[in-house]
Amino acid sequence: MITRDGVAGLVCLAGSLLLLWMSRELPQPALVPIGPAFYPRILLAVTAVLSAALLAFDLWRRERGPGPSAVNYRLVLLAFAIFTAYVFLLPALGYRVGTLLFVGVLQATLEPPRGARGFTLVAAVALGTMLATYYVFEGYLNVLLPRGRLTGF
């Protein structure tokens, strides 16, 4: 019997394949080797592969483990509140400061760090995430990210 994971995999697989097929309609510029459909096609292909894997694992799972654990609605609402604060504070703080705080606070909320090593790991992951995304978007893709009104960068 197919579970919720299998249904989610099937729906995402169908949606990503449909959108991938529809991306054929995007125009290809004559002078630019990478057109507007390049990155969406990569994303949709990866989504299709991962969705197919989720569906396959659900269908081929021989033994069923214990049922799903209780949903922690408090944690879900807290994560949503952190994301909402990030969106509203982004224009004031800028991408670099806002993303650093967002990733650090969300990571510490989802998995509270224990001891100095845990806090160091949270800070390192937040800093690495911010730097990697900043340089990919600003340096490689030439996408201007928000500058903060309060921070100036």
N, C-alpha and C. Protein backbone atom coordinates (compact mmCIF):
# COMPACT_ATOMS: atom_id res chain seq x y z
N MET A 1 0.85 -1.19 0.00
CA MET A 1 0.00 0.00 0.00
C MET A 1 0.89 1.25 0.00
N ILE A 2 0.48 2.22 -0.74
CA ILE A 2 1.25 3.46 -0.84
C ILE A 2 0.91 4.37 0.34
N THR A 3 1.95 4.97 0.91
CA THR A 3 1.75 5.86 2.06
C THR A 3 1.75 7.31 1.60
N ARG A 4 1.70 8.21 2.57
CA ARG A 4 1.72 9.64 2.24
C ARG A 4 3.01 10.03 1.53
N ASP A 5 4.11 9.40 1.91
CA ASP A 5 5.38 9.69 1.23
C ASP A 5 5.30 9.33 -0.25
N GLY A 6 4.71 8.18 -0.54
CA GLY A 6 4.56 7.76 -1.93
C GLY A 6 3.66 8.69 -2.72
N VAL A 7 2.57 9.13 -2.09
CA VAL A 7 1.66 10.06 -2.76
C VAL A 7 2.37 11.39 -3.02
N ALA A 8 3.12 11.87 -2.04
CA ALA A 8 3.87 13.13 -2.22
C ALA A 8 4.90 12.97 -3.34
N GLY A 9 5.59 11.83 -3.38
CA GLY A 9 6.55 11.58 -4.44
C GLY A 9 5.90 11.54 -5.80
N LEU A 10 4.74 10.90 -5.88
CA LEU A 10 4.02 10.80 -7.15
C LEU A 10 3.54 12.17 -7.63
N VAL A 11 2.99 12.96 -6.72
CA VAL A 11 2.50 14.30 -7.09
C VAL A 11 3.66 15.19 -7.53
N CYS A 12 4.77 15.17 -6.78
CA CYS A 12 5.93 16.00 -7.15
C CYS A 12 6.55 15.52 -8.46
N LEU A 13 6.58 14.21 -8.68
CA LEU A 13 7.12 13.68 -9.93
C LEU A 13 6.27 14.14 -11.11
N ALA A 14 4.95 14.01 -10.97
CA ALA A 14 4.06 14.42 -12.06
C ALA A 14 4.18 15.93 -12.32
N GLY A 15 4.21 16.72 -11.25
CA GLY A 15 4.32 18.17 -11.41
C GLY A 15 5.63 18.59 -12.04
N SER A 16 6.73 17.99 -11.59
CA SER A 16 8.02 18.38 -12.15
C SER A 16 8.17 17.94 -13.60
N LEU A 17 7.64 16.76 -13.95
CA LEU A 17 7.70 16.32 -15.34
C LEU A 17 6.83 17.20 -16.25
N LEU A 18 5.67 17.59 -15.75
CA LEU A 18 4.80 18.48 -16.52
C LEU A 18 5.49 19.83 -16.75
N LEU A 19 6.06 20.41 -15.70
CA LEU A 19 6.73 21.69 -15.86
C LEU A 19 7.98 21.57 -16.72
N LEU A 20 8.67 20.46 -16.62
CA LEU A 20 9.83 20.23 -17.47
C LEU A 20 9.41 20.17 -18.93
N TRP A 21 8.32 19.50 -19.20
CA TRP A 21 7.80 19.42 -20.57
C TRP A 21 7.37 20.80 -21.06
N MET A 22 6.74 21.58 -20.17
CA MET A 22 6.28 22.92 -20.54
C MET A 22 7.45 23.89 -20.76
N SER A 23 8.61 23.59 -20.20
CA SER A 23 9.76 24.49 -20.37
C SER A 23 10.29 24.48 -21.80
N ARG A 24 9.80 23.56 -22.63
CA ARG A 24 10.18 23.56 -24.04
C ARG A 24 9.74 24.83 -24.73
N GLU A 25 8.70 25.46 -24.22
CA GLU A 25 8.14 26.67 -24.83
C GLU A 25 8.97 27.92 -24.57
N LEU A 26 9.90 27.86 -23.62
CA LEU A 26 10.70 29.05 -23.32
C LEU A 26 11.64 29.33 -24.49
N PRO A 27 11.75 30.59 -24.88
CA PRO A 27 12.60 30.92 -26.03
C PRO A 27 14.08 30.74 -25.72
N GLN A 28 14.83 30.37 -26.74
CA GLN A 28 16.28 30.23 -26.63
C GLN A 28 16.93 31.39 -27.36
N PRO A 29 17.64 32.27 -26.66
CA PRO A 29 18.31 33.38 -27.34
C PRO A 29 19.41 32.87 -28.26
N ALA A 30 19.59 33.54 -29.37
CA ALA A 30 20.56 33.09 -30.38
C ALA A 30 22.00 33.33 -29.95
N LEU A 31 22.27 34.40 -29.23
CA LEU A 31 23.65 34.77 -28.91
C LEU A 31 24.12 34.30 -27.53
N VAL A 32 23.22 33.78 -26.72
CA VAL A 32 23.57 33.37 -25.36
C VAL A 32 23.48 31.85 -25.26
N PRO A 33 24.56 31.20 -24.82
CA PRO A 33 24.53 29.73 -24.77
C PRO A 33 23.59 29.17 -23.70
N ILE A 34 23.42 29.90 -22.62
CA ILE A 34 22.53 29.45 -21.54
C ILE A 34 21.31 30.35 -21.55
N GLY A 35 20.17 29.78 -21.92
CA GLY A 35 18.94 30.56 -22.01
C GLY A 35 18.19 30.56 -20.69
N PRO A 36 17.00 31.16 -20.68
CA PRO A 36 16.21 31.27 -19.45
C PRO A 36 15.67 29.94 -18.95
N ALA A 37 15.70 28.90 -19.75
CA ALA A 37 15.17 27.60 -19.31
C ALA A 37 16.23 26.72 -18.66
N PHE A 38 17.49 27.13 -18.70
CA PHE A 38 18.58 26.27 -18.24
C PHE A 38 18.45 25.90 -16.76
N TYR A 39 18.39 26.89 -15.87
CA TYR A 39 18.35 26.62 -14.44
C TYR A 39 17.02 25.99 -14.00
N PRO A 40 15.88 26.45 -14.51
CA PRO A 40 14.64 25.74 -14.15
C PRO A 40 14.65 24.27 -14.56
N ARG A 41 15.24 23.96 -15.71
CA ARG A 41 15.29 22.57 -16.14
C ARG A 41 16.17 21.73 -15.21
N ILE A 42 17.28 22.30 -14.76
CA ILE A 42 18.13 21.58 -13.80
C ILE A 42 17.34 21.31 -12.52
N LEU A 43 16.70 22.33 -12.00
CA LEU A 43 15.92 22.19 -10.77
C LEU A 43 14.79 21.18 -10.93
N LEU A 44 14.08 21.25 -12.03
CA LEU A 44 12.97 20.32 -12.27
C LEU A 44 13.46 18.89 -12.48
N ALA A 45 14.59 18.72 -13.12
CA ALA A 45 15.14 17.37 -13.31
C ALA A 45 15.56 16.77 -11.97
N VAL A 46 16.22 17.56 -11.14
CA VAL A 46 16.61 17.07 -9.81
C VAL A 46 15.37 16.74 -8.98
N THR A 47 14.35 17.59 -9.05
CA THR A 47 13.11 17.33 -8.33
C THR A 47 12.45 16.05 -8.81
N ALA A 48 12.45 15.82 -10.12
CA ALA A 48 11.86 14.60 -10.66
C ALA A 48 12.60 13.36 -10.18
N VAL A 49 13.93 13.42 -10.19
CA VAL A 49 14.73 12.27 -9.74
C VAL A 49 14.48 11.99 -8.26
N LEU A 50 14.49 13.03 -7.44
CA LEU A 50 14.26 12.83 -6.01
C LEU A 50 12.84 12.36 -5.72
N SER A 51 11.86 12.86 -6.46
CA SER A 51 10.48 12.41 -6.29
C SER A 51 10.33 10.95 -6.69
N ALA A 52 10.97 10.56 -7.77
CA ALA A 52 10.93 9.16 -8.20
C ALA A 52 11.59 8.27 -7.16
N ALA A 53 12.69 8.73 -6.56
CA ALA A 53 13.35 7.95 -5.51
C ALA A 53 12.45 7.81 -4.29
N LEU A 54 11.76 8.87 -3.91
CA LEU A 54 10.83 8.80 -2.78
C LEU A 54 9.71 7.82 -3.06
N LEU A 55 9.16 7.86 -4.25
CA LEU A 55 8.11 6.93 -4.63
C LEU A 55 8.63 5.49 -4.65
N ALA A 56 9.82 5.29 -5.21
CA ALA A 56 10.39 3.93 -5.28
C ALA A 56 10.66 3.39 -3.88
N PHE A 57 11.23 4.20 -3.00
CA PHE A 57 11.49 3.72 -1.64
C PHE A 57 10.20 3.38 -0.92
N ASP A 58 9.16 4.15 -1.17
CA ASP A 58 7.89 3.87 -0.53
C ASP A 58 7.28 2.58 -1.06
N LEU A 59 7.37 2.33 -2.36
CA LEU A 59 6.78 1.13 -2.94
C LEU A 59 7.56 -0.13 -2.60
N TRP A 60 8.88 -0.01 -2.48
CA TRP A 60 9.70 -1.20 -2.26
C TRP A 60 10.02 -1.48 -0.80
N ARG A 61 9.51 -0.66 0.08
CA ARG A 61 9.77 -0.88 1.50
C ARG A 61 9.02 -2.13 1.95
N ARG A 62 9.75 -3.13 2.38
CA ARG A 62 9.14 -4.41 2.77
C ARG A 62 8.52 -4.34 4.15
N GLU A 63 9.26 -3.84 5.10
CA GLU A 63 8.72 -3.81 6.46
C GLU A 63 8.40 -2.37 6.83
N ARG A 64 7.32 -2.23 7.48
CA ARG A 64 6.89 -0.89 7.89
C ARG A 64 7.34 -0.67 9.32
N GLY A 65 7.96 0.44 9.54
CA GLY A 65 8.39 0.80 10.89
C GLY A 65 7.20 1.33 11.66
N PRO A 66 7.48 1.90 12.80
CA PRO A 66 6.39 2.50 13.57
C PRO A 66 5.76 3.66 12.80
N GLY A 67 4.53 3.94 13.11
CA GLY A 67 3.81 5.01 12.43
C GLY A 67 4.50 6.35 12.64
N PRO A 68 4.01 7.36 11.96
CA PRO A 68 4.63 8.67 12.10
C PRO A 68 4.53 9.18 13.53
N SER A 69 5.58 9.89 13.95
CA SER A 69 5.57 10.43 15.30
C SER A 69 4.61 11.62 15.37
N ALA A 70 4.32 12.02 16.57
CA ALA A 70 3.39 13.13 16.77
C ALA A 70 3.96 14.40 16.14
N VAL A 71 3.11 15.18 15.54
CA VAL A 71 3.52 16.42 14.90
C VAL A 71 3.73 17.49 15.97
N ASN A 72 4.84 18.18 15.88
CA ASN A 72 5.16 19.23 16.83
C ASN A 72 4.72 20.57 16.23
N TYR A 73 3.45 20.91 16.48
CA TYR A 73 2.89 22.13 15.89
C TYR A 73 3.57 23.38 16.41
N ARG A 74 4.03 23.35 17.64
CA ARG A 74 4.72 24.51 18.21
C ARG A 74 5.99 24.80 17.42
N LEU A 75 6.74 23.77 17.09
CA LEU A 75 7.97 23.94 16.33
C LEU A 75 7.68 24.42 14.90
N VAL A 76 6.62 23.91 14.29
CA VAL A 76 6.23 24.34 12.95
C VAL A 76 5.87 25.83 12.96
N LEU A 77 5.08 26.25 13.93
CA LEU A 77 4.69 27.66 14.03
C LEU A 77 5.90 28.55 14.33
N LEU A 78 6.80 28.06 15.16
CA LEU A 78 8.00 28.82 15.47
C LEU A 78 8.89 28.99 14.24
N ALA A 79 9.05 27.93 13.46
CA ALA A 79 9.84 28.02 12.22
C ALA A 79 9.19 28.99 11.23
N PHE A 80 7.86 28.95 11.14
CA PHE A 80 7.15 29.88 10.27
C PHE A 80 7.34 31.32 10.74
N ALA A 81 7.32 31.54 12.05
CA ALA A 81 7.51 32.89 12.60
C ALA A 81 8.93 33.39 12.32
N ILE A 82 9.92 32.51 12.43
CA ILE A 82 11.31 32.89 12.15
C ILE A 82 11.45 33.26 10.67
N PHE A 83 10.85 32.48 9.79
CA PHE A 83 10.92 32.79 8.36
C PHE A 83 10.21 34.11 8.05
N THR A 84 9.07 34.35 8.68
CA THR A 84 8.34 35.60 8.48
C THR A 84 9.17 36.79 8.94
N ALA A 85 9.82 36.65 10.09
CA ALA A 85 10.68 37.73 10.59
C ALA A 85 11.84 37.98 9.62
N TYR A 86 12.39 36.92 9.06
CA TYR A 86 13.48 37.06 8.07
C TYR A 86 13.02 37.86 6.86
N VAL A 87 11.84 37.54 6.36
CA VAL A 87 11.32 38.24 5.18
C VAL A 87 11.10 39.72 5.49
N PHE A 88 10.55 40.03 6.66
CA PHE A 88 10.28 41.42 6.98
C PHE A 88 11.54 42.21 7.36
N LEU A 89 12.54 41.55 7.93
CA LEU A 89 13.77 42.24 8.34
C LEU A 89 14.81 42.32 7.23
N LEU A 90 14.63 41.58 6.16
CA LEU A 90 15.61 41.55 5.08
C LEU A 90 15.89 42.94 4.49
N PRO A 91 14.88 43.77 4.22
CA PRO A 91 15.19 45.10 3.67
C PRO A 91 15.99 45.97 4.64
N ALA A 92 15.77 45.80 5.93
CA ALA A 92 16.48 46.63 6.91
C ALA A 92 17.89 46.11 7.18
N LEU A 93 18.05 44.80 7.26
CA LEU A 93 19.35 44.22 7.61
C LEU A 93 20.23 43.90 6.41
N GLY A 94 19.62 43.67 5.26
CA GLY A 94 20.37 43.25 4.09
C GLY A 94 20.49 41.74 4.04
N TYR A 95 20.88 41.25 2.86
CA TYR A 95 20.93 39.80 2.66
C TYR A 95 21.95 39.13 3.56
N ARG A 96 23.15 39.69 3.64
CA ARG A 96 24.22 39.01 4.37
C ARG A 96 23.91 38.90 5.86
N VAL A 97 23.56 39.98 6.51
CA VAL A 97 23.28 39.94 7.95
C VAL A 97 21.98 39.17 8.21
N GLY A 98 20.94 39.44 7.40
CA GLY A 98 19.66 38.77 7.58
C GLY A 98 19.75 37.26 7.41
N THR A 99 20.47 36.80 6.39
CA THR A 99 20.59 35.37 6.14
C THR A 99 21.45 34.71 7.20
N LEU A 100 22.50 35.35 7.63
CA LEU A 100 23.33 34.81 8.70
C LEU A 100 22.49 34.59 9.96
N LEU A 101 21.71 35.59 10.35
CA LEU A 101 20.85 35.46 11.53
C LEU A 101 19.75 34.42 11.32
N PHE A 102 19.13 34.44 10.15
CA PHE A 102 18.04 33.51 9.86
C PHE A 102 18.51 32.06 9.96
N VAL A 103 19.60 31.73 9.29
CA VAL A 103 20.08 30.35 9.29
C VAL A 103 20.51 29.94 10.69
N GLY A 104 21.21 30.82 11.40
CA GLY A 104 21.64 30.50 12.75
C GLY A 104 20.49 30.28 13.72
N VAL A 105 19.53 31.20 13.71
CA VAL A 105 18.39 31.09 14.62
C VAL A 105 17.52 29.88 14.27
N LEU A 106 17.26 29.66 12.98
CA LEU A 106 16.43 28.52 12.60
C LEU A 106 17.12 27.20 12.94
N GLN A 107 18.40 27.11 12.68
CA GLN A 107 19.12 25.88 13.00
C GLN A 107 19.13 25.63 14.50
N ALA A 108 19.36 26.67 15.30
CA ALA A 108 19.37 26.51 16.76
C ALA A 108 17.98 26.18 17.29
N THR A 109 16.94 26.64 16.61
CA THR A 109 15.57 26.33 17.03
C THR A 109 15.22 24.89 16.71
N LEU A 110 15.56 24.44 15.52
CA LEU A 110 15.21 23.08 15.11
C LEU A 110 16.02 22.03 15.86
N GLU A 111 17.28 22.30 16.11
CA GLU A 111 18.16 21.37 16.84
C GLU A 111 18.99 22.19 17.82
N PRO A 112 18.48 22.38 19.04
CA PRO A 112 19.20 23.24 19.99
C PRO A 112 20.63 22.73 20.24
N PRO A 113 21.60 23.65 20.11
CA PRO A 113 23.01 23.24 20.30
C PRO A 113 23.30 22.95 21.76
N ARG A 114 24.21 22.02 21.97
CA ARG A 114 24.63 21.66 23.33
C ARG A 114 26.12 22.00 23.47
N GLY A 115 26.40 22.92 24.32
CA GLY A 115 27.78 23.26 24.60
C GLY A 115 28.39 24.21 23.58
N ALA A 116 29.64 24.56 23.82
CA ALA A 116 30.35 25.51 22.97
C ALA A 116 30.55 24.95 21.57
N ARG A 117 30.80 23.67 21.46
CA ARG A 117 31.00 23.06 20.14
C ARG A 117 29.73 23.15 19.30
N GLY A 118 28.57 22.96 19.92
CA GLY A 118 27.31 23.06 19.20
C GLY A 118 27.06 24.47 18.68
N PHE A 119 27.34 25.48 19.53
CA PHE A 119 27.16 26.86 19.09
C PHE A 119 28.16 27.25 18.00
N THR A 120 29.38 26.71 18.09
CA THR A 120 30.37 26.96 17.06
C THR A 120 29.92 26.36 15.73
N LEU A 121 29.35 25.16 15.79
CA LEU A 121 28.86 24.52 14.57
C LEU A 121 27.70 25.31 13.96
N VAL A 122 26.78 25.79 14.79
CA VAL A 122 25.66 26.61 14.30
C VAL A 122 26.20 27.86 13.62
N ALA A 123 27.16 28.53 14.24
CA ALA A 123 27.73 29.75 13.67
C ALA A 123 28.47 29.45 12.36
N ALA A 124 29.19 28.34 12.31
CA ALA A 124 29.94 27.99 11.10
C ALA A 124 29.00 27.66 9.95
N VAL A 125 27.93 26.92 10.23
CA VAL A 125 26.98 26.57 9.17
C VAL A 125 26.25 27.82 8.68
N ALA A 126 25.86 28.69 9.59
CA ALA A 126 25.18 29.93 9.20
C ALA A 126 26.11 30.80 8.34
N LEU A 127 27.35 30.94 8.77
CA LEU A 127 28.30 31.75 8.00
C LEU A 127 28.61 31.12 6.65
N GLY A 128 28.80 29.82 6.62
CA GLY A 128 29.07 29.13 5.35
C GLY A 128 27.91 29.21 4.39
N THR A 129 26.70 29.06 4.90
CA THR A 129 25.51 29.15 4.05
C THR A 129 25.38 30.54 3.46
N MET A 130 25.57 31.55 4.31
CA MET A 130 25.45 32.92 3.83
C MET A 130 26.52 33.23 2.78
N LEU A 131 27.75 32.85 3.04
CA LEU A 131 28.83 33.14 2.09
C LEU A 131 28.65 32.39 0.77
N ALA A 132 28.28 31.12 0.86
CA ALA A 132 28.10 30.33 -0.36
C ALA A 132 26.98 30.89 -1.23
N THR A 133 25.83 31.16 -0.62
CA THR A 133 24.72 31.68 -1.43
C THR A 133 25.01 33.08 -1.93
N TYR A 134 25.67 33.90 -1.11
CA TYR A 134 25.99 35.26 -1.54
C TYR A 134 26.90 35.25 -2.76
N TYR A 135 27.98 34.47 -2.71
CA TYR A 135 28.92 34.46 -3.82
C TYR A 135 28.38 33.76 -5.06
N VAL A 136 27.50 32.78 -4.88
CA VAL A 136 26.88 32.15 -6.06
C VAL A 136 25.98 33.16 -6.76
N PHE A 137 25.14 33.84 -5.99
CA PHE A 137 24.18 34.75 -6.62
C PHE A 137 24.83 36.06 -7.05
N GLU A 138 25.63 36.67 -6.21
CA GLU A 138 26.25 37.95 -6.58
C GLU A 138 27.40 37.78 -7.56
N GLY A 139 28.27 36.82 -7.30
CA GLY A 139 29.46 36.67 -8.11
C GLY A 139 29.24 35.90 -9.39
N TYR A 140 28.57 34.76 -9.31
CA TYR A 140 28.43 33.90 -10.48
C TYR A 140 27.21 34.27 -11.33
N LEU A 141 26.06 34.43 -10.69
CA LEU A 141 24.83 34.69 -11.45
C LEU A 141 24.54 36.18 -11.65
N ASN A 142 25.33 37.05 -11.03
CA ASN A 142 25.14 38.50 -11.14
C ASN A 142 23.74 38.95 -10.73
N VAL A 143 23.23 38.37 -9.66
CA VAL A 143 21.93 38.77 -9.11
C VAL A 143 22.20 39.71 -7.94
N LEU A 144 21.62 40.89 -8.00
CA LEU A 144 21.81 41.83 -6.91
C LEU A 144 20.93 41.43 -5.73
N LEU A 145 21.55 41.22 -4.59
CA LEU A 145 20.82 40.85 -3.38
C LEU A 145 20.56 42.10 -2.57
N PRO A 146 19.53 42.08 -1.72
CA PRO A 146 19.16 43.30 -0.98
C PRO A 146 20.27 43.81 -0.08
N ARG A 147 20.48 45.12 -0.13
CA ARG A 147 21.38 45.80 0.79
C ARG A 147 20.52 46.33 1.93
N GLY A 148 21.04 46.33 3.13
CA GLY A 148 20.27 46.75 4.28
C GLY A 148 20.25 48.25 4.48
N ARG A 149 19.09 48.76 4.82
CA ARG A 149 19.00 50.20 5.13
C ARG A 149 19.76 50.51 6.40
N LEU A 150 19.74 49.60 7.38
CA LEU A 150 20.42 49.84 8.65
C LEU A 150 21.90 49.50 8.59
N THR A 151 22.26 48.49 7.84
CA THR A 151 23.64 48.02 7.81
C THR A 151 24.46 48.62 6.67
N GLY A 152 23.81 48.99 5.58
CA GLY A 152 24.52 49.56 4.44
C GLY A 152 25.16 48.54 3.52
N PHE A 153 25.10 47.27 3.87
CA PHE A 153 25.64 46.24 2.97
C PHE A 153 24.79 45.00 3.00
